[in-house]
Amino acid sequence: MINMIKGTLQVAGFMLLSLGMDRMAKWLDWGIPGSILGIVVVFILLETKILRLEWIELGANWLLAELLLFFIPAAVGIMKYFPMLEADGLQILFVVVFSTIIVMVSSGLTAGFISSRKERKTP
């Protein structure tokens, strides 16, 4: 029961941070989404040890576990563009598949490069 309350409070904290960063993004008018600003703020707070991982871990794990639910509205919203998908669907599919392959290859090469550098540094 205590874990459920802790997790709920942590998720509420993430929601408040998200709302605050959205407002800050609109106020600053940098063209950077509030969600990205929020990620940067959480990263900086974690790296500087102002925010400890234990304080947000339960809520973050729950949000990650339920991440698929957050994509349902976007997937349903695609149906509004069905005529465009009928006309340009193959081109869109090609771009999505090609960009996915590029991301996978570049991520794999980057991970391999970082892994080989770490292996050279450790005895």
PDB file of N, CA and C in Angstrom:
ATOM      1  N   MET A   1       0.824  -1.197   0.000  1.00  0.00           N
ATOM      2  CA  MET A   1       0.000   0.000   0.000  1.00  0.00           C
ATOM      3  C   MET A   1       0.871   1.265   0.000  1.00  0.00           C
ATOM      4  N   ILE A   2       1.933   1.222   0.795  1.00  0.00           N
ATOM      5  CA  ILE A   2       2.816   2.380   0.876  1.00  0.00           C
ATOM      6  C   ILE A   2       3.525   2.621  -0.446  1.00  0.00           C
ATOM      7  N   ASN A   3       3.879   1.519  -1.155  1.00  0.00           N
ATOM      8  CA  ASN A   3       4.515   1.658  -2.465  1.00  0.00           C
ATOM      9  C   ASN A   3       3.571   2.285  -3.480  1.00  0.00           C
ATOM     10  N   MET A   4       2.284   1.956  -3.381  1.00  0.00           N
ATOM     11  CA  MET A   4       1.313   2.521  -4.301  1.00  0.00           C
ATOM     12  C   MET A   4       1.180   4.035  -4.077  1.00  0.00           C
ATOM     13  N   ILE A   5       1.177   4.446  -2.829  1.00  0.00           N
ATOM     14  CA  ILE A   5       1.089   5.874  -2.513  1.00  0.00           C
ATOM     15  C   ILE A   5       2.358   6.592  -2.974  1.00  0.00           C
ATOM     16  N   LYS A   6       3.529   5.962  -2.717  1.00  0.00           N
ATOM     17  CA  LYS A   6       4.796   6.557  -3.153  1.00  0.00           C
ATOM     18  C   LYS A   6       4.832   6.694  -4.670  1.00  0.00           C
ATOM     19  N   GLY A   7       4.445   5.645  -5.360  1.00  0.00           N
ATOM     20  CA  GLY A   7       4.440   5.675  -6.826  1.00  0.00           C
ATOM     21  C   GLY A   7       3.484   6.720  -7.373  1.00  0.00           C
ATOM     22  N   THR A   8       2.314   6.834  -6.744  1.00  0.00           N
ATOM     23  CA  THR A   8       1.339   7.834  -7.178  1.00  0.00           C
ATOM     24  C   THR A   8       1.878   9.244  -6.985  1.00  0.00           C
ATOM     25  N   LEU A   9       2.523   9.487  -5.866  1.00  0.00           N
ATOM     26  CA  LEU A   9       3.109  10.805  -5.620  1.00  0.00           C
ATOM     27  C   LEU A   9       4.236  11.107  -6.603  1.00  0.00           C
ATOM     28  N   GLN A  10       5.024  10.099  -6.940  1.00  0.00           N
ATOM     29  CA  GLN A  10       6.109  10.303  -7.894  1.00  0.00           C
ATOM     30  C   GLN A  10       5.569  10.612  -9.288  1.00  0.00           C
ATOM     31  N   VAL A  11       4.517   9.892  -9.701  1.00  0.00           N
ATOM     32  CA  VAL A  11       3.899  10.163 -10.998  1.00  0.00           C
ATOM     33  C   VAL A  11       3.287  11.560 -11.000  1.00  0.00           C
ATOM     34  N   ALA A  12       2.651  11.946  -9.888  1.00  0.00           N
ATOM     35  CA  ALA A  12       2.101  13.299  -9.784  1.00  0.00           C
ATOM     36  C   ALA A  12       3.213  14.341  -9.890  1.00  0.00           C
ATOM     37  N   GLY A  13       4.365  14.048  -9.302  1.00  0.00           N
ATOM     38  CA  GLY A  13       5.509  14.951  -9.423  1.00  0.00           C
ATOM     39  C   GLY A  13       5.969  15.089 -10.866  1.00  0.00           C
ATOM     40  N   PHE A  14       6.000  13.965 -11.585  1.00  0.00           N
ATOM     41  CA  PHE A  14       6.362  14.023 -13.002  1.00  0.00           C
ATOM     42  C   PHE A  14       5.342  14.838 -13.795  1.00  0.00           C
ATOM     43  N   MET A  15       4.070  14.679 -13.456  1.00  0.00           N
ATOM     44  CA  MET A  15       3.027  15.442 -14.154  1.00  0.00           C
ATOM     45  C   MET A  15       3.170  16.936 -13.888  1.00  0.00           C
ATOM     46  N   LEU A  16       3.426  17.297 -12.640  1.00  0.00           N
ATOM     47  CA  LEU A  16       3.627  18.708 -12.302  1.00  0.00           C
ATOM     48  C   LEU A  16       4.859  19.269 -13.017  1.00  0.00           C
ATOM     49  N   LEU A  17       5.924  18.490 -13.051  1.00  0.00           N
ATOM     50  CA  LEU A  17       7.129  18.912 -13.766  1.00  0.00           C
ATOM     51  C   LEU A  17       6.832  19.108 -15.246  1.00  0.00           C
ATOM     52  N   SER A  18       6.069  18.191 -15.812  1.00  0.00           N
ATOM     53  CA  SER A  18       5.705  18.286 -17.223  1.00  0.00           C
ATOM     54  C   SER A  18       4.885  19.544 -17.504  1.00  0.00           C
ATOM     55  N   LEU A  19       3.899  19.799 -16.657  1.00  0.00           N
ATOM     56  CA  LEU A  19       3.077  21.000 -16.839  1.00  0.00           C
ATOM     57  C   LEU A  19       3.925  22.265 -16.680  1.00  0.00           C
ATOM     58  N   GLY A  20       4.799  22.272 -15.685  1.00  0.00           N
ATOM     59  CA  GLY A  20       5.666  23.424 -15.470  1.00  0.00           C
ATOM     60  C   GLY A  20       6.611  23.667 -16.632  1.00  0.00           C
ATOM     61  N   MET A  21       7.177  22.594 -17.166  1.00  0.00           N
ATOM     62  CA  MET A  21       8.106  22.738 -18.288  1.00  0.00           C
ATOM     63  C   MET A  21       7.368  23.167 -19.557  1.00  0.00           C
ATOM     64  N   ASP A  22       6.114  22.712 -19.730  1.00  0.00           N
ATOM     65  CA  ASP A  22       5.327  23.173 -20.876  1.00  0.00           C
ATOM     66  C   ASP A  22       5.094  24.679 -20.791  1.00  0.00           C
ATOM     67  N   ARG A  23       4.755  25.139 -19.609  1.00  0.00           N
ATOM     68  CA  ARG A  23       4.548  26.589 -19.436  1.00  0.00           C
ATOM     69  C   ARG A  23       5.846  27.355 -19.646  1.00  0.00           C
ATOM     70  N   MET A  24       6.945  26.815 -19.129  1.00  0.00           N
ATOM     71  CA  MET A  24       8.228  27.480 -19.300  1.00  0.00           C
ATOM     72  C   MET A  24       8.617  27.526 -20.775  1.00  0.00           C
ATOM     73  N   ALA A  25       8.340  26.440 -21.509  1.00  0.00           N
ATOM     74  CA  ALA A  25       8.673  26.396 -22.937  1.00  0.00           C
ATOM     75  C   ALA A  25       7.880  27.457 -23.692  1.00  0.00           C
ATOM     76  N   LYS A  26       6.611  27.629 -23.334  1.00  0.00           N
ATOM     77  CA  LYS A  26       5.807  28.669 -23.992  1.00  0.00           C
ATOM     78  C   LYS A  26       6.296  30.058 -23.598  1.00  0.00           C
ATOM     79  N   TRP A  27       6.675  30.223 -22.355  1.00  0.00           N
ATOM     80  CA  TRP A  27       7.132  31.524 -21.865  1.00  0.00           C
ATOM     81  C   TRP A  27       8.467  31.914 -22.488  1.00  0.00           C
ATOM     82  N   LEU A  28       9.399  30.941 -22.568  1.00  0.00           N
ATOM     83  CA  LEU A  28      10.711  31.221 -23.142  1.00  0.00           C
ATOM     84  C   LEU A  28      10.671  31.354 -24.661  1.00  0.00           C
ATOM     85  N   ASP A  29       9.725  30.655 -25.294  1.00  0.00           N
ATOM     86  CA  ASP A  29       9.556  30.693 -26.750  1.00  0.00           C
ATOM     87  C   ASP A  29      10.854  30.339 -27.483  1.00  0.00           C
ATOM     88  N   TRP A  30      11.496  29.256 -27.038  1.00  0.00           N
ATOM     89  CA  TRP A  30      12.726  28.770 -27.655  1.00  0.00           C
ATOM     90  C   TRP A  30      12.469  27.817 -28.809  1.00  0.00           C
ATOM     91  N   GLY A  31      11.258  27.320 -28.907  1.00  0.00           N
ATOM     92  CA  GLY A  31      10.955  26.318 -29.919  1.00  0.00           C
ATOM     93  C   GLY A  31      11.288  24.906 -29.467  1.00  0.00           C
ATOM     94  N   ILE A  32      11.613  24.741 -28.198  1.00  0.00           N
ATOM     95  CA  ILE A  32      11.903  23.422 -27.631  1.00  0.00           C
ATOM     96  C   ILE A  32      10.668  22.975 -26.847  1.00  0.00           C
ATOM     97  N   PRO A  33      10.167  21.772 -27.101  1.00  0.00           N
ATOM     98  CA  PRO A  33       8.988  21.306 -26.361  1.00  0.00           C
ATOM     99  C   PRO A  33       9.265  21.195 -24.860  1.00  0.00           C
ATOM    100  N   GLY A  34       8.225  21.387 -24.076  1.00  0.00           N
ATOM    101  CA  GLY A  34       8.352  21.299 -22.628  1.00  0.00           C
ATOM    102  C   GLY A  34       8.781  19.921 -22.160  1.00  0.00           C
ATOM    103  N   SER A  35       8.386  18.888 -22.883  1.00  0.00           N
ATOM    104  CA  SER A  35       8.776  17.529 -22.491  1.00  0.00           C
ATOM    105  C   SER A  35      10.294  17.348 -22.575  1.00  0.00           C
ATOM    106  N   ILE A  36      10.899  17.929 -23.596  1.00  0.00           N
ATOM    107  CA  ILE A  36      12.356  17.836 -23.734  1.00  0.00           C
ATOM    108  C   ILE A  36      13.040  18.635 -22.628  1.00  0.00           C
ATOM    109  N   LEU A  37      12.518  19.813 -22.340  1.00  0.00           N
ATOM    110  CA  LEU A  37      13.071  20.602 -21.235  1.00  0.00           C
ATOM    111  C   LEU A  37      12.967  19.831 -19.917  1.00  0.00           C
ATOM    112  N   GLY A  38      11.845  19.149 -19.719  1.00  0.00           N
ATOM    113  CA  GLY A  38      11.663  18.353 -18.507  1.00  0.00           C
ATOM    114  C   GLY A  38      12.673  17.233 -18.393  1.00  0.00           C
ATOM    115  N   ILE A  39      12.939  16.552 -19.509  1.00  0.00           N
ATOM    116  CA  ILE A  39      13.936  15.481 -19.500  1.00  0.00           C
ATOM    117  C   ILE A  39      15.309  16.041 -19.149  1.00  0.00           C
ATOM    118  N   VAL A  40      15.637  17.194 -19.729  1.00  0.00           N
ATOM    119  CA  VAL A  40      16.935  17.822 -19.453  1.00  0.00           C
ATOM    120  C   VAL A  40      17.035  18.211 -17.984  1.00  0.00           C
ATOM    121  N   VAL A  41      15.964  18.777 -17.438  1.00  0.00           N
ATOM    122  CA  VAL A  41      15.974  19.189 -16.025  1.00  0.00           C
ATOM    123  C   VAL A  41      16.141  17.977 -15.114  1.00  0.00           C
ATOM    124  N   VAL A  42      15.394  16.903 -15.378  1.00  0.00           N
ATOM    125  CA  VAL A  42      15.512  15.700 -14.546  1.00  0.00           C
ATOM    126  C   VAL A  42      16.918  15.117 -14.665  1.00  0.00           C
ATOM    127  N   PHE A  43      17.472  15.088 -15.868  1.00  0.00           N
ATOM    128  CA  PHE A  43      18.827  14.578 -16.064  1.00  0.00           C
ATOM    129  C   PHE A  43      19.843  15.394 -15.268  1.00  0.00           C
ATOM    130  N   ILE A  44      19.742  16.716 -15.374  1.00  0.00           N
ATOM    131  CA  ILE A  44      20.677  17.584 -14.649  1.00  0.00           C
ATOM    132  C   ILE A  44      20.532  17.391 -13.143  1.00  0.00           C
ATOM    133  N   LEU A  45      19.300  17.309 -12.661  1.00  0.00           N
ATOM    134  CA  LEU A  45      19.078  17.119 -11.223  1.00  0.00           C
ATOM    135  C   LEU A  45      19.626  15.772 -10.746  1.00  0.00           C
ATOM    136  N   LEU A  46      19.484  14.742 -11.573  1.00  0.00           N
ATOM    137  CA  LEU A  46      20.028  13.428 -11.202  1.00  0.00           C
ATOM    138  C   LEU A  46      21.557  13.440 -11.228  1.00  0.00           C
ATOM    139  N   GLU A  47      22.137  14.061 -12.235  1.00  0.00           N
ATOM    140  CA  GLU A  47      23.600  14.089 -12.353  1.00  0.00           C
ATOM    141  C   GLU A  47      24.255  14.912 -11.249  1.00  0.00           C
ATOM    142  N   THR A  48      23.597  15.974 -10.817  1.00  0.00           N
ATOM    143  CA  THR A  48      24.153  16.814  -9.760  1.00  0.00           C
ATOM    144  C   THR A  48      23.796  16.308  -8.370  1.00  0.00           C
ATOM    145  N   LYS A  49      23.109  15.178  -8.323  1.00  0.00           N
ATOM    146  CA  LYS A  49      22.713  14.536  -7.062  1.00  0.00           C
ATOM    147  C   LYS A  49      21.746  15.389  -6.225  1.00  0.00           C
ATOM    148  N   ILE A  50      21.121  16.393  -6.849  1.00  0.00           N
ATOM    149  CA  ILE A  50      20.076  17.146  -6.160  1.00  0.00           C
ATOM    150  C   ILE A  50      18.837  16.270  -6.032  1.00  0.00           C
ATOM    151  N   LEU A  51      18.562  15.494  -7.070  1.00  0.00           N
ATOM    152  CA  LEU A  51      17.455  14.540  -7.094  1.00  0.00           C
ATOM    153  C   LEU A  51      18.058  13.146  -7.068  1.00  0.00           C
ATOM    154  N   ARG A  52      17.634  12.344  -6.117  1.00  0.00           N
ATOM    155  CA  ARG A  52      18.163  10.982  -6.015  1.00  0.00           C
ATOM    156  C   ARG A  52      17.251  10.025  -6.767  1.00  0.00           C
ATOM    157  N   LEU A  53      17.857   9.030  -7.386  1.00  0.00           N
ATOM    158  CA  LEU A  53      17.110   8.068  -8.188  1.00  0.00           C
ATOM    159  C   LEU A  53      16.022   7.376  -7.379  1.00  0.00           C
ATOM    160  N   GLU A  54      16.297   7.080  -6.119  1.00  0.00           N
ATOM    161  CA  GLU A  54      15.319   6.385  -5.274  1.00  0.00           C
ATOM    162  C   GLU A  54      14.039   7.205  -5.107  1.00  0.00           C
ATOM    163  N   TRP A  55      14.141   8.507  -5.239  1.00  0.00           N
ATOM    164  CA  TRP A  55      12.985   9.376  -5.043  1.00  0.00           C
ATOM    165  C   TRP A  55      12.002   9.310  -6.205  1.00  0.00           C
ATOM    166  N   ILE A  56      12.453   8.880  -7.376  1.00  0.00           N
ATOM    167  CA  ILE A  56      11.575   8.865  -8.552  1.00  0.00           C
ATOM    168  C   ILE A  56      11.496   7.500  -9.236  1.00  0.00           C
ATOM    169  N   GLU A  57      12.249   6.541  -8.760  1.00  0.00           N
ATOM    170  CA  GLU A  57      12.387   5.265  -9.458  1.00  0.00           C
ATOM    171  C   GLU A  57      11.071   4.506  -9.589  1.00  0.00           C
ATOM    172  N   LEU A  58      10.290   4.432  -8.542  1.00  0.00           N
ATOM    173  CA  LEU A  58       9.036   3.660  -8.558  1.00  0.00           C
ATOM    174  C   LEU A  58       8.057   4.242  -9.574  1.00  0.00           C
ATOM    175  N   GLY A  59       7.871   5.560  -9.527  1.00  0.00           N
ATOM    176  CA  GLY A  59       6.959   6.210 -10.468  1.00  0.00           C
ATOM    177  C   GLY A  59       7.444   6.118 -11.898  1.00  0.00           C
ATOM    178  N   ALA A  60       8.754   6.284 -12.102  1.00  0.00           N
ATOM    179  CA  ALA A  60       9.321   6.207 -13.447  1.00  0.00           C
ATOM    180  C   ALA A  60       9.177   4.800 -14.020  1.00  0.00           C
ATOM    181  N   ASN A  61       9.411   3.793 -13.199  1.00  0.00           N
ATOM    182  CA  ASN A  61       9.254   2.410 -13.669  1.00  0.00           C
ATOM    183  C   ASN A  61       7.813   2.114 -14.047  1.00  0.00           C
ATOM    184  N   TRP A  62       6.861   2.633 -13.269  1.00  0.00           N
ATOM    185  CA  TRP A  62       5.455   2.415 -13.594  1.00  0.00           C
ATOM    186  C   TRP A  62       5.108   3.094 -14.917  1.00  0.00           C
ATOM    187  N   LEU A  63       5.569   4.341 -15.112  1.00  0.00           N
ATOM    188  CA  LEU A  63       5.290   5.045 -16.364  1.00  0.00           C
ATOM    189  C   LEU A  63       5.912   4.316 -17.552  1.00  0.00           C
ATOM    190  N   LEU A  64       7.112   3.788 -17.380  1.00  0.00           N
ATOM    191  CA  LEU A  64       7.744   3.032 -18.463  1.00  0.00           C
ATOM    192  C   LEU A  64       6.988   1.744 -18.758  1.00  0.00           C
ATOM    193  N   ALA A  65       6.499   1.092 -17.712  1.00  0.00           N
ATOM    194  CA  ALA A  65       5.756  -0.160 -17.904  1.00  0.00           C
ATOM    195  C   ALA A  65       4.450   0.077 -18.654  1.00  0.00           C
ATOM    196  N   GLU A  66       3.842   1.235 -18.457  1.00  0.00           N
ATOM    197  CA  GLU A  66       2.559   1.543 -19.091  1.00  0.00           C
ATOM    198  C   GLU A  66       2.719   2.450 -20.305  1.00  0.00           C
ATOM    199  N   LEU A  67       3.910   2.550 -20.831  1.00  0.00           N
ATOM    200  CA  LEU A  67       4.207   3.472 -21.923  1.00  0.00           C
ATOM    201  C   LEU A  67       3.343   3.228 -23.150  1.00  0.00           C
ATOM    202  N   LEU A  68       3.038   1.983 -23.438  1.00  0.00           N
ATOM    203  CA  LEU A  68       2.252   1.657 -24.626  1.00  0.00           C
ATOM    204  C   LEU A  68       0.883   2.333 -24.589  1.00  0.00           C
ATOM    205  N   LEU A  69       0.303   2.475 -23.403  1.00  0.00           N
ATOM    206  CA  LEU A  69      -1.006   3.119 -23.287  1.00  0.00           C
ATOM    207  C   LEU A  69      -0.975   4.576 -23.745  1.00  0.00           C
ATOM    208  N   PHE A  70       0.165   5.229 -23.610  1.00  0.00           N
ATOM    209  CA  PHE A  70       0.265   6.633 -23.992  1.00  0.00           C
ATOM    210  C   PHE A  70       0.296   6.818 -25.506  1.00  0.00           C
ATOM    211  N   PHE A  71       0.543   5.749 -26.262  1.00  0.00           N
ATOM    212  CA  PHE A  71       0.576   5.850 -27.712  1.00  0.00           C
ATOM    213  C   PHE A  71      -0.780   5.566 -28.351  1.00  0.00           C
ATOM    214  N   ILE A  72      -1.737   5.053 -27.613  1.00  0.00           N
ATOM    215  CA  ILE A  72      -3.043   4.721 -28.178  1.00  0.00           C
ATOM    216  C   ILE A  72      -3.739   5.955 -28.744  1.00  0.00           C
ATOM    217  N   PRO A  73      -3.794   7.087 -28.027  1.00  0.00           N
ATOM    218  CA  PRO A  73      -4.459   8.257 -28.635  1.00  0.00           C
ATOM    219  C   PRO A  73      -3.808   8.708 -29.933  1.00  0.00           C
ATOM    220  N   ALA A  74      -2.495   8.642 -30.012  1.00  0.00           N
ATOM    221  CA  ALA A  74      -1.805   9.034 -31.246  1.00  0.00           C
ATOM    222  C   ALA A  74      -2.145   8.070 -32.378  1.00  0.00           C
ATOM    223  N   ALA A  75      -2.215   6.780 -32.074  1.00  0.00           N
ATOM    224  CA  ALA A  75      -2.537   5.790 -33.104  1.00  0.00           C
ATOM    225  C   ALA A  75      -3.974   5.960 -33.595  1.00  0.00           C
ATOM    226  N   VAL A  76      -4.884   6.267 -32.686  1.00  0.00           N
ATOM    227  CA  VAL A  76      -6.276   6.495 -33.074  1.00  0.00           C
ATOM    228  C   VAL A  76      -6.388   7.793 -33.872  1.00  0.00           C
ATOM    229  N   GLY A  77      -5.594   8.796 -33.513  1.00  0.00           N
ATOM    230  CA  GLY A  77      -5.618  10.066 -34.228  1.00  0.00           C
ATOM    231  C   GLY A  77      -5.175   9.945 -35.680  1.00  0.00           C
ATOM    232  N   ILE A  78      -4.410   8.917 -36.003  1.00  0.00           N
ATOM    233  CA  ILE A  78      -3.963   8.703 -37.383  1.00  0.00           C
ATOM    234  C   ILE A  78      -5.153   8.444 -38.297  1.00  0.00           C
ATOM    235  N   MET A  79      -6.216   7.878 -37.763  1.00  0.00           N
ATOM    236  CA  MET A  79      -7.388   7.568 -38.589  1.00  0.00           C
ATOM    237  C   MET A  79      -7.997   8.819 -39.202  1.00  0.00           C
ATOM    238  N   LYS A  80      -7.732   9.975 -38.622  1.00  0.00           N
ATOM    239  CA  LYS A  80      -8.234  11.231 -39.182  1.00  0.00           C
ATOM    240  C   LYS A  80      -7.573  11.514 -40.538  1.00  0.00           C
ATOM    241  N   TYR A  81      -6.403  10.970 -40.746  1.00  0.00           N
ATOM    242  CA  TYR A  81      -5.638  11.210 -41.969  1.00  0.00           C
ATOM    243  C   TYR A  81      -5.696  10.020 -42.929  1.00  0.00           C
ATOM    244  N   PHE A  82      -6.763   9.244 -42.856  1.00  0.00           N
ATOM    245  CA  PHE A  82      -6.869   8.047 -43.691  1.00  0.00           C
ATOM    246  C   PHE A  82      -6.800   8.358 -45.181  1.00  0.00           C
ATOM    247  N   PRO A  83      -7.462   9.427 -45.676  1.00  0.00           N
ATOM    248  CA  PRO A  83      -7.328   9.732 -47.117  1.00  0.00           C
ATOM    249  C   PRO A  83      -5.877   9.997 -47.535  1.00  0.00           C
ATOM    250  N   MET A  84      -5.132  10.670 -46.688  1.00  0.00           N
ATOM    251  CA  MET A  84      -3.723  10.927 -47.004  1.00  0.00           C
ATOM    252  C   MET A  84      -2.941   9.614 -47.017  1.00  0.00           C
ATOM    253  N   LEU A  85      -3.266   8.709 -46.092  1.00  0.00           N
ATOM    254  CA  LEU A  85      -2.589   7.414 -46.062  1.00  0.00           C
ATOM    255  C   LEU A  85      -2.906   6.603 -47.311  1.00  0.00           C
ATOM    256  N   GLU A  86      -4.130   6.717 -47.817  1.00  0.00           N
ATOM    257  CA  GLU A  86      -4.479   5.996 -49.044  1.00  0.00           C
ATOM    258  C   GLU A  86      -3.686   6.537 -50.235  1.00  0.00           C
ATOM    259  N   ALA A  87      -3.515   7.849 -50.281  1.00  0.00           N
ATOM    260  CA  ALA A  87      -2.828   8.460 -51.418  1.00  0.00           C
ATOM    261  C   ALA A  87      -1.314   8.298 -51.337  1.00  0.00           C
ATOM    262  N   ASP A  88      -0.750   8.504 -50.161  1.00  0.00           N
ATOM    263  CA  ASP A  88       0.713   8.516 -50.019  1.00  0.00           C
ATOM    264  C   ASP A  88       1.225   7.438 -49.067  1.00  0.00           C
ATOM    265  N   GLY A  89       0.455   6.417 -48.824  1.00  0.00           N
ATOM    266  CA  GLY A  89       0.798   5.399 -47.836  1.00  0.00           C
ATOM    267  C   GLY A  89       2.112   4.692 -48.096  1.00  0.00           C
ATOM    268  N   LEU A  90       2.378   4.336 -49.365  1.00  0.00           N
ATOM    269  CA  LEU A  90       3.622   3.627 -49.674  1.00  0.00           C
ATOM    270  C   LEU A  90       4.842   4.510 -49.455  1.00  0.00           C
ATOM    271  N   GLN A  91       4.734   5.774 -49.808  1.00  0.00           N
ATOM    272  CA  GLN A  91       5.847   6.692 -49.594  1.00  0.00           C
ATOM    273  C   GLN A  91       6.097   6.882 -48.096  1.00  0.00           C
ATOM    274  N   ILE A  92       5.023   7.034 -47.341  1.00  0.00           N
ATOM    275  CA  ILE A  92       5.151   7.198 -45.886  1.00  0.00           C
ATOM    276  C   ILE A  92       5.761   5.937 -45.282  1.00  0.00           C
ATOM    277  N   LEU A  93       5.295   4.773 -45.725  1.00  0.00           N
ATOM    278  CA  LEU A  93       5.831   3.506 -45.221  1.00  0.00           C
ATOM    279  C   LEU A  93       7.324   3.398 -45.533  1.00  0.00           C
ATOM    280  N   PHE A  94       7.726   3.776 -46.746  1.00  0.00           N
ATOM    281  CA  PHE A  94       9.139   3.729 -47.120  1.00  0.00           C
ATOM    282  C   PHE A  94       9.973   4.634 -46.211  1.00  0.00           C
ATOM    283  N   VAL A  95       9.500   5.850 -45.973  1.00  0.00           N
ATOM    284  CA  VAL A  95      10.234   6.784 -45.118  1.00  0.00           C
ATOM    285  C   VAL A  95      10.341   6.240 -43.697  1.00  0.00           C
ATOM    286  N   VAL A  96       9.260   5.680 -43.180  1.00  0.00           N
ATOM    287  CA  VAL A  96       9.271   5.137 -41.812  1.00  0.00           C
ATOM    288  C   VAL A  96      10.241   3.962 -41.710  1.00  0.00           C
ATOM    289  N   VAL A  97      10.176   3.032 -42.657  1.00  0.00           N
ATOM    290  CA  VAL A  97      11.065   1.862 -42.620  1.00  0.00           C
ATOM    291  C   VAL A  97      12.518   2.291 -42.801  1.00  0.00           C
ATOM    292  N   PHE A  98      12.784   3.173 -43.770  1.00  0.00           N
ATOM    293  CA  PHE A  98      14.151   3.630 -44.026  1.00  0.00           C
ATOM    294  C   PHE A  98      14.727   4.366 -42.819  1.00  0.00           C
ATOM    295  N   SER A  99      13.949   5.261 -42.227  1.00  0.00           N
ATOM    296  CA  SER A  99      14.457   6.001 -41.065  1.00  0.00           C
ATOM    297  C   SER A  99      14.638   5.082 -39.861  1.00  0.00           C
ATOM    298  N   THR A 100      13.780   4.081 -39.715  1.00  0.00           N
ATOM    299  CA  THR A 100      13.941   3.117 -38.622  1.00  0.00           C
ATOM    300  C   THR A 100      15.237   2.333 -38.792  1.00  0.00           C
ATOM    301  N   ILE A 101      15.530   1.920 -40.005  1.00  0.00           N
ATOM    302  CA  ILE A 101      16.775   1.193 -40.267  1.00  0.00           C
ATOM    303  C   ILE A 101      17.985   2.079 -39.974  1.00  0.00           C
ATOM    304  N   ILE A 102      17.927   3.337 -40.395  1.00  0.00           N
ATOM    305  CA  ILE A 102      19.036   4.270 -40.128  1.00  0.00           C
ATOM    306  C   ILE A 102      19.245   4.433 -38.629  1.00  0.00           C
ATOM    307  N   VAL A 103      18.156   4.599 -37.876  1.00  0.00           N
ATOM    308  CA  VAL A 103      18.270   4.763 -36.422  1.00  0.00           C
ATOM    309  C   VAL A 103      18.839   3.502 -35.789  1.00  0.00           C
ATOM    310  N   MET A 104      18.370   2.329 -36.218  1.00  0.00           N
ATOM    311  CA  MET A 104      18.861   1.075 -35.638  1.00  0.00           C
ATOM    312  C   MET A 104      20.346   0.878 -35.932  1.00  0.00           C
ATOM    313  N   VAL A 105      20.758   1.138 -37.163  1.00  0.00           N
ATOM    314  CA  VAL A 105      22.164   0.950 -37.529  1.00  0.00           C
ATOM    315  C   VAL A 105      23.048   1.947 -36.785  1.00  0.00           C
ATOM    316  N   SER A 106      22.632   3.216 -36.764  1.00  0.00           N
ATOM    317  CA  SER A 106      23.462   4.216 -36.080  1.00  0.00           C
ATOM    318  C   SER A 106      23.511   3.964 -34.575  1.00  0.00           C
ATOM    319  N   SER A 107      22.405   3.521 -33.987  1.00  0.00           N
ATOM    320  CA  SER A 107      22.409   3.193 -32.555  1.00  0.00           C
ATOM    321  C   SER A 107      23.323   2.008 -32.273  1.00  0.00           C
ATOM    322  N   GLY A 108      23.259   0.991 -33.127  1.00  0.00           N
ATOM    323  CA  GLY A 108      24.115  -0.174 -32.956  1.00  0.00           C
ATOM    324  C   GLY A 108      25.588   0.169 -33.099  1.00  0.00           C
ATOM    325  N   LEU A 109      25.909   0.978 -34.099  1.00  0.00           N
ATOM    326  CA  LEU A 109      27.310   1.380 -34.278  1.00  0.00           C
ATOM    327  C   LEU A 109      27.800   2.234 -33.115  1.00  0.00           C
ATOM    328  N   THR A 110      26.955   3.131 -32.646  1.00  0.00           N
ATOM    329  CA  THR A 110      27.336   3.968 -31.507  1.00  0.00           C
ATOM    330  C   THR A 110      27.535   3.126 -30.257  1.00  0.00           C
ATOM    331  N   ALA A 111      26.611   2.201 -30.001  1.00  0.00           N
ATOM    332  CA  ALA A 111      26.736   1.325 -28.831  1.00  0.00           C
ATOM    333  C   ALA A 111      27.993   0.464 -28.934  1.00  0.00           C
ATOM    334  N   GLY A 112      28.288  -0.047 -30.124  1.00  0.00           N
ATOM    335  CA  GLY A 112      29.496  -0.838 -30.316  1.00  0.00           C
ATOM    336  C   GLY A 112      30.758  -0.020 -30.093  1.00  0.00           C
ATOM    337  N   PHE A 113      30.751   1.215 -30.577  1.00  0.00           N
ATOM    338  CA  PHE A 113      31.899   2.097 -30.388  1.00  0.00           C
ATOM    339  C   PHE A 113      32.115   2.393 -28.902  1.00  0.00           C
ATOM    340  N   ILE A 114      31.039   2.723 -28.199  1.00  0.00           N
ATOM    341  CA  ILE A 114      31.147   3.014 -26.762  1.00  0.00           C
ATOM    342  C   ILE A 114      31.591   1.780 -25.999  1.00  0.00           C
ATOM    343  N   SER A 115      31.054   0.625 -26.363  1.00  0.00           N
ATOM    344  CA  SER A 115      31.426  -0.621 -25.691  1.00  0.00           C
ATOM    345  C   SER A 115      32.904  -0.946 -25.906  1.00  0.00           C
ATOM    346  N   SER A 116      33.387  -0.764 -27.123  1.00  0.00           N
ATOM    347  CA  SER A 116      34.803  -1.074 -27.384  1.00  0.00           C
ATOM    348  C   SER A 116      35.718  -0.088 -26.656  1.00  0.00           C
ATOM    349  N   ARG A 117      35.299   1.171 -26.540  1.00  0.00           N
ATOM    350  CA  ARG A 117      36.095   2.150 -25.784  1.00  0.00           C
ATOM    351  C   ARG A 117      36.144   1.794 -24.311  1.00  0.00           C
ATOM    352  N   LYS A 118      35.029   1.351 -23.762  1.00  0.00           N
ATOM    353  CA  LYS A 118      35.002   0.960 -22.337  1.00  0.00           C
ATOM    354  C   LYS A 118      35.863  -0.269 -22.103  1.00  0.00           C
ATOM    355  N   GLU A 119      35.851  -1.222 -23.039  1.00  0.00           N
ATOM    356  CA  GLU A 119      36.669  -2.424 -22.885  1.00  0.00           C
ATOM    357  C   GLU A 119      38.158  -2.094 -22.930  1.00  0.00           C
ATOM    358  N   ARG A 120      38.553  -1.110 -23.733  1.00  0.00           N
ATOM    359  CA  ARG A 120      39.962  -0.723 -23.810  1.00  0.00           C
ATOM    360  C   ARG A 120      40.401  -0.024 -22.522  1.00  0.00           C
ATOM    361  N   LYS A 121      39.503   0.716 -21.883  1.00  0.00           N
ATOM    362  CA  LYS A 121      39.869   1.453 -20.681  1.00  0.00           C
ATOM    363  C   LYS A 121      39.948   0.563 -19.446  1.00  0.00           C
ATOM    364  N   THR A 122      39.086  -0.460 -19.372  1.00  0.00           N
ATOM    365  CA  THR A 122      39.092  -1.335 -18.187  1.00  0.00           C
ATOM    366  C   THR A 122      40.153  -2.417 -18.360  1.00  0.00           C
ATOM    367  N   PRO A 123      40.898  -2.689 -17.301  1.00  0.00           N
ATOM    368  CA  PRO A 123      41.949  -3.723 -17.397  1.00  0.00           C
ATOM    369  C   PRO A 123      41.393  -5.116 -17.424  1.00  0.00           C
TER     370      PRO A 123
END
